[in-house]
Amino acid sequence: MAMPVLKLRHTPQLRIGVLASHPIVERALRDSLRSSKALRRLAAEVTPVSTSLPAECGQSYAVIIVDLTYVASDTDAIARKLRSTFSASKLVAVVSPKNDVVMFLQAGFSAVVPITVNFDNDLPCAISAVLSGSAWAPEPVMRDYAERVRGILESYSSVLS
């Protein structure tokens, strides 16, 4: 007699970490993520991130949202630290619109979301983009980034010529 097979109805959750400079900012980011219909469809679990614990201690995230609204410099060091601690995670920076958004892309963040009136729509779009393997920033920023890269490539090829 064959043993009955148990079928579990378990939907694996997408883990999204939130690393914020202040508990109020962390709560606002979590609330924004939880209110997103697109992320609810993905069954996302949104939890705070601790950088004091190594990633091996059970902290694994598909995406980490990093509050960098008050960071003006040393974004490279922040990105390196996070990538070394959470090497399998995609990093999404939440920044002030006054910051040079391109600088965060160059530092290695997969997406950069300025806090604007479109923030609640932009953040889920950024998460979806990085989960599909793309980089994300608002369209004007991506154009600026492409122009900067093009300029660097043109100057590099003129040096080689």
Foldseek 3Di string as FASTA:
>chain_A
DDDDDDDDPDQDAAEEEEEEPDPVVSVVVVVLQVPDPVNVVRNHDYYYDDLVDACVVVPAHQEYEYECAPPADDLLVVLVSCCVRHVNHAYEYEYAPVHLQLVNVVSPHQEYEYDDPCRSVQVVVQVVQVSVPHRYYPPVSVVVNVVVVVVVVVVVVVVVD
